[in-house]
Amino acid sequence: MTTPATRANVVALSPAFLEGRHIYDVATRVLAVLDHVLVVDDGSKDATVAEAKRAGAEVVSHTVNQGKGAAIKTGLAALAARQGLEYVMLLDGDGQHLPEEIPLFLDEANRSHAALLVGNRMSDVRTMPLVRKFTNRFMSWQISRVVGQAIPDTQCGFRMVRRDLLQPLSSAASARFDFETEMLSIASRLGHAIAAVPVSTVYGDEKSKIRPVRDTVRFYRLLARLRGKDNQTIRQSDNQTETLP
């Protein structure tokens, strides 16, 4: 029987790189709805660490920048053995995700008992830039085909992960923005349904850390690798079926 998600047993995890202007506000607002927040500083040289601690967040730091995926994996590995934890809430440190919407994830987790919940901004795209809207829809379509289940907004980093997925996800190969795609593949290969949670589209003064050319190439390489893994899983399943009496 799944333990209900509450503010006491859900820990927020926020990867942060050069978020000294935003992280205090984000962490403070998270702590209004959850009891604990862990900020993983990814080698920032600004006031990110000091501001996170000032807000009351726990902080783990990388000495050098390793990428968003690496920061999330560090946090997941640190939290995997924590007693009393049932879910980890992932949200960016730049204010793009509204901490006030975290209870929506708790409600859906308690309704569906899903192991992975992903925010869905695509039900209201009026404030989403046109390029991002088409890019998100195209990439979500491609990724949904690869992982074998429909996920309306695969590019949303606002997510909640059940404790039994923490260790598998912390061992993923990806280290940058492609990690969020690999998360979906890992959960799907382990047989978990992925739930969608309607969330707001928020764009402020944050500067995107995505590098369009390099990260697009990395994305397609990841899709090819994931397709290869899926084909290998199918072949293994076929082989096991052939050996059954």
Protein backbone atom coordinates (compact mmCIF):
# COMPACT_ATOMS: atom_id res chain seq x y z
CA MET A 1 0.00 0.00 0.00
CA THR A 2 1.41 3.38 -1.05
CA THR A 3 1.99 5.93 1.70
CA PRO A 4 0.12 9.17 0.92
CA ALA A 5 2.28 12.08 -0.21
CA THR A 6 2.31 14.94 2.31
CA ARG A 7 4.32 18.09 2.89
CA ALA A 8 6.37 16.15 5.47
CA ASN A 9 7.45 13.21 3.28
CA VAL A 10 7.99 15.01 -0.04
CA VAL A 11 11.37 16.74 -0.44
CA ALA A 12 11.85 19.40 -3.11
CA LEU A 13 15.03 19.16 -5.19
CA SER A 14 16.15 22.19 -7.16
CA PRO A 15 19.23 22.10 -9.43
CA ALA A 16 20.71 25.60 -9.59
CA PHE A 17 23.46 27.22 -11.62
CA LEU A 18 24.01 30.97 -11.27
CA GLU A 19 20.58 31.46 -9.69
CA GLY A 20 21.64 33.94 -7.00
CA ARG A 21 18.84 36.33 -8.03
CA HIS A 22 16.06 33.75 -7.87
CA ILE A 23 16.86 30.88 -5.53
CA TYR A 24 15.98 32.63 -2.26
CA ASP A 25 12.48 33.42 -3.53
CA VAL A 26 11.99 29.93 -4.99
CA ALA A 27 13.19 28.12 -1.86
CA THR A 28 11.15 30.35 0.44
CA ARG A 29 7.98 29.68 -1.53
CA VAL A 30 8.69 25.94 -1.64
CA LEU A 31 9.09 25.87 2.15
CA ALA A 32 5.61 27.36 2.45
CA VAL A 33 4.14 24.11 1.03
CA LEU A 34 6.81 21.49 1.85
CA ASP A 35 8.95 20.96 4.94
CA HIS A 36 12.25 20.35 3.13
CA VAL A 37 14.09 21.61 0.06
CA LEU A 38 17.48 20.51 -1.23
CA VAL A 39 19.33 22.84 -3.60
CA VAL A 40 22.12 21.29 -5.65
CA ASP A 41 24.46 24.09 -6.67
CA ASP A 42 26.11 23.14 -9.95
CA GLY A 43 29.38 25.04 -9.59
CA SER A 44 27.96 28.56 -9.35
CA LYS A 45 30.33 31.48 -8.80
CA ASP A 46 27.63 33.91 -7.67
CA ALA A 47 25.53 34.04 -4.49
CA THR A 48 23.45 30.92 -5.25
CA VAL A 49 24.70 28.95 -2.23
CA ALA A 50 24.44 31.83 0.22
CA GLU A 51 20.93 32.77 -0.93
CA ALA A 52 19.70 29.17 -0.80
CA LYS A 53 20.99 28.76 2.76
CA ARG A 54 19.50 32.12 3.75
CA ALA A 55 16.10 30.80 2.68
CA GLY A 56 16.52 27.73 4.88
CA ALA A 57 17.37 25.20 2.17
CA GLU A 58 19.80 22.33 2.52
CA VAL A 59 22.61 22.73 -0.03
CA VAL A 60 24.91 20.28 -1.82
CA SER A 61 27.51 21.74 -4.18
CA HIS A 62 29.49 20.65 -7.24
CA THR A 63 32.95 22.22 -7.37
CA VAL A 64 32.60 22.70 -11.15
CA ASN A 65 29.62 22.94 -13.47
CA GLN A 66 28.54 19.47 -14.61
CA GLY A 67 25.11 20.06 -16.13
CA LYS A 68 21.50 20.04 -15.00
CA GLY A 69 21.16 16.27 -15.27
CA ALA A 70 24.26 15.71 -13.16
CA ALA A 71 22.93 18.09 -10.50
CA ILE A 72 19.59 16.27 -10.35
CA LYS A 73 21.33 12.89 -10.15
CA THR A 74 23.49 14.13 -7.27
CA GLY A 75 20.36 15.20 -5.42
CA LEU A 76 18.47 11.98 -6.14
CA ALA A 77 21.40 9.88 -4.93
CA ALA A 78 21.66 11.96 -1.76
CA LEU A 79 17.96 11.56 -1.04
CA ALA A 80 17.58 7.88 -1.99
CA ALA A 81 18.51 6.63 1.49
CA ARG A 82 16.67 9.31 3.44
CA GLN A 83 14.27 7.85 5.96
CA GLY A 84 10.61 8.84 5.78
CA LEU A 85 10.83 10.16 2.22
CA GLU A 86 8.16 9.06 -0.26
CA TYR A 87 8.58 11.43 -3.22
CA VAL A 88 11.08 13.98 -4.56
CA MET A 89 9.67 17.13 -6.15
CA LEU A 90 11.85 18.51 -8.96
CA LEU A 91 11.66 22.17 -9.91
CA ASP A 92 14.03 24.68 -11.47
CA GLY A 93 15.76 27.33 -9.42
CA ASP A 94 14.94 30.22 -11.77
CA GLY A 95 11.27 30.71 -10.90
CA GLN A 96 9.91 29.10 -14.08
CA HIS A 97 7.94 26.61 -11.98
CA LEU A 98 5.43 27.86 -9.44
CA PRO A 99 6.00 26.32 -5.97
CA GLU A 100 2.36 27.11 -5.21
CA GLU A 101 1.40 24.39 -7.71
CA ILE A 102 3.29 21.65 -5.86
CA PRO A 103 0.08 20.54 -4.04
CA LEU A 104 -1.35 19.63 -7.48
CA PHE A 105 1.36 16.97 -7.76
CA LEU A 106 0.65 15.64 -4.28
CA ASP A 107 -3.04 15.37 -5.08
CA GLU A 108 -2.38 13.51 -8.35
CA ALA A 109 0.17 11.20 -6.70
CA ASN A 110 -2.36 10.29 -4.05
CA ARG A 111 -5.01 9.70 -6.69
CA SER A 112 -2.99 7.75 -9.27
CA HIS A 113 -0.07 6.41 -7.17
CA ALA A 114 2.14 7.13 -10.21
CA ALA A 115 5.89 6.66 -9.83
CA LEU A 116 6.63 9.65 -12.07
CA LEU A 117 4.50 12.76 -12.53
CA VAL A 118 5.35 15.40 -15.15
CA GLY A 119 3.99 18.92 -15.42
CA ASN A 120 1.91 19.69 -18.50
CA ARG A 121 1.99 23.28 -19.77
CA MET A 122 0.46 22.45 -23.13
CA SER A 123 -3.19 22.78 -22.12
CA ASP A 124 -2.75 26.57 -22.04
CA VAL A 125 -0.01 27.87 -24.34
CA ARG A 126 -1.22 31.45 -24.74
CA THR A 127 1.87 32.88 -23.03
CA MET A 128 4.33 30.33 -24.46
CA PRO A 129 6.62 31.68 -27.23
CA LEU A 130 5.61 30.27 -30.62
CA VAL A 131 8.97 28.57 -31.25
CA ARG A 132 8.88 26.82 -27.87
CA LYS A 133 5.28 25.74 -28.39
CA PHE A 134 6.05 23.98 -31.67
CA THR A 135 9.35 22.61 -30.40
CA ASN A 136 7.74 21.19 -27.26
CA ARG A 137 4.93 19.55 -29.21
CA PHE A 138 7.29 18.04 -31.78
CA MET A 139 9.73 16.72 -29.17
CA SER A 140 6.91 15.39 -26.98
CA TRP A 141 5.51 13.51 -29.98
CA GLN A 142 8.91 12.02 -30.81
CA ILE A 143 9.72 11.02 -27.23
CA SER A 144 6.24 9.61 -26.59
CA ARG A 145 6.70 7.28 -29.57
CA VAL A 146 10.05 6.07 -28.23
CA VAL A 147 8.94 5.44 -24.64
CA GLY A 148 5.64 3.88 -25.64
CA GLN A 149 3.19 6.11 -23.81
CA ALA A 150 1.67 9.52 -24.45
CA ILE A 151 3.33 12.31 -22.47
CA PRO A 152 1.90 15.74 -23.41
CA ASP A 153 4.87 17.86 -22.25
CA THR A 154 8.12 15.90 -22.17
CA GLN A 155 10.15 19.12 -21.91
CA CYS A 156 8.70 20.25 -18.59
CA GLY A 157 11.18 19.89 -15.73
CA PHE A 158 8.50 20.32 -13.06
CA ARG A 159 8.20 16.70 -11.89
CA MET A 160 7.65 14.40 -8.93
CA VAL A 161 9.47 11.08 -8.50
CA ARG A 162 8.51 8.22 -6.18
CA ARG A 163 11.24 6.87 -3.91
CA ASP A 164 11.57 3.50 -5.72
CA LEU A 165 12.67 5.35 -8.88
CA LEU A 166 15.37 7.43 -7.19
CA GLN A 167 18.17 4.88 -7.48
CA PRO A 168 17.51 3.87 -11.11
CA LEU A 169 17.31 7.52 -12.16
CA SER A 170 20.47 8.52 -10.30
CA SER A 171 22.33 5.88 -12.34
CA ALA A 172 21.22 7.28 -15.74
CA ALA A 173 23.90 7.93 -18.35
CA SER A 174 22.84 11.47 -19.33
CA ALA A 175 24.22 14.47 -17.45
CA ARG A 176 22.71 17.56 -19.07
CA PHE A 177 19.25 18.55 -20.32
CA ASP A 178 18.88 15.18 -22.08
CA PHE A 179 18.65 13.56 -18.63
CA GLU A 180 15.02 14.67 -18.36
CA THR A 181 14.23 12.65 -21.48
CA GLU A 182 16.12 9.62 -20.21
CA MET A 183 14.06 9.80 -17.00
CA LEU A 184 10.93 9.10 -19.04
CA SER A 185 12.55 6.17 -20.80
CA ILE A 186 13.82 4.59 -17.58
CA ALA A 187 10.43 4.87 -15.88
CA SER A 188 8.68 3.40 -18.93
CA ARG A 189 11.12 0.49 -19.28
CA LEU A 190 10.53 -0.35 -15.62
CA GLY A 191 6.81 -0.60 -16.35
CA HIS A 192 5.64 2.62 -14.70
CA ALA A 193 2.83 4.75 -16.08
CA ILE A 194 3.70 8.45 -16.22
CA ALA A 195 1.02 10.87 -15.01
CA ALA A 196 0.55 14.43 -16.28
CA VAL A 197 -0.22 17.36 -14.00
CA PRO A 198 -1.57 20.62 -15.55
CA VAL A 199 0.72 23.52 -14.58
CA SER A 200 1.16 27.14 -15.56
CA THR A 201 3.39 28.43 -18.34
CA VAL A 202 5.81 30.93 -16.79
CA TYR A 203 8.47 32.92 -18.62
CA GLY A 204 10.23 35.72 -16.80
CA ASP A 205 13.70 37.24 -17.00
CA GLU A 206 15.50 33.89 -16.74
CA LYS A 207 18.08 33.21 -19.44
CA SER A 208 17.87 29.77 -21.01
CA LYS A 209 20.94 27.61 -20.41
CA ILE A 210 20.05 25.36 -23.33
CA ARG A 211 22.58 25.49 -26.19
CA PRO A 212 20.37 25.04 -29.29
CA VAL A 213 22.79 23.31 -31.70
CA ARG A 214 24.75 21.18 -29.26
CA ASP A 215 21.71 20.18 -27.18
CA THR A 216 19.67 19.35 -30.33
CA VAL A 217 22.44 17.01 -31.49
CA ARG A 218 22.58 15.49 -28.01
CA PHE A 219 18.80 15.03 -28.06
CA TYR A 220 18.81 13.06 -31.32
CA ARG A 221 21.74 10.95 -30.19
CA LEU A 222 19.79 10.15 -27.03
CA LEU A 223 16.69 9.18 -29.05
CA ALA A 224 18.82 6.82 -31.14
CA ARG A 225 20.32 5.30 -28.00
CA LEU A 226 16.90 4.88 -26.38
CA ARG A 227 15.48 3.27 -29.54
CA GLY A 228 18.40 0.85 -29.44
CA LYS A 229 17.64 -0.04 -25.82
CA ASP A 230 13.96 -0.56 -26.62
CA ASN A 231 14.85 -2.88 -29.52
CA GLN A 232 17.23 -4.81 -27.26
CA THR A 233 14.47 -5.19 -24.65
CA ILE A 234 12.09 -6.50 -27.33
CA ARG A 235 14.69 -9.03 -28.57
CA GLN A 236 15.35 -10.23 -25.03
CA SER A 237 11.61 -10.63 -24.43
CA ASP A 238 11.24 -12.59 -27.69
CA ASN A 239 14.14 -14.87 -26.74
CA GLN A 240 12.63 -15.55 -23.32
CA THR A 241 9.27 -16.34 -24.93
CA GLU A 242 10.89 -18.83 -27.34
CA THR A 243 12.44 -20.77 -24.43
CA LEU A 244 9.16 -21.20 -22.56
CA PRO A 245 7.84 -24.80 -22.55
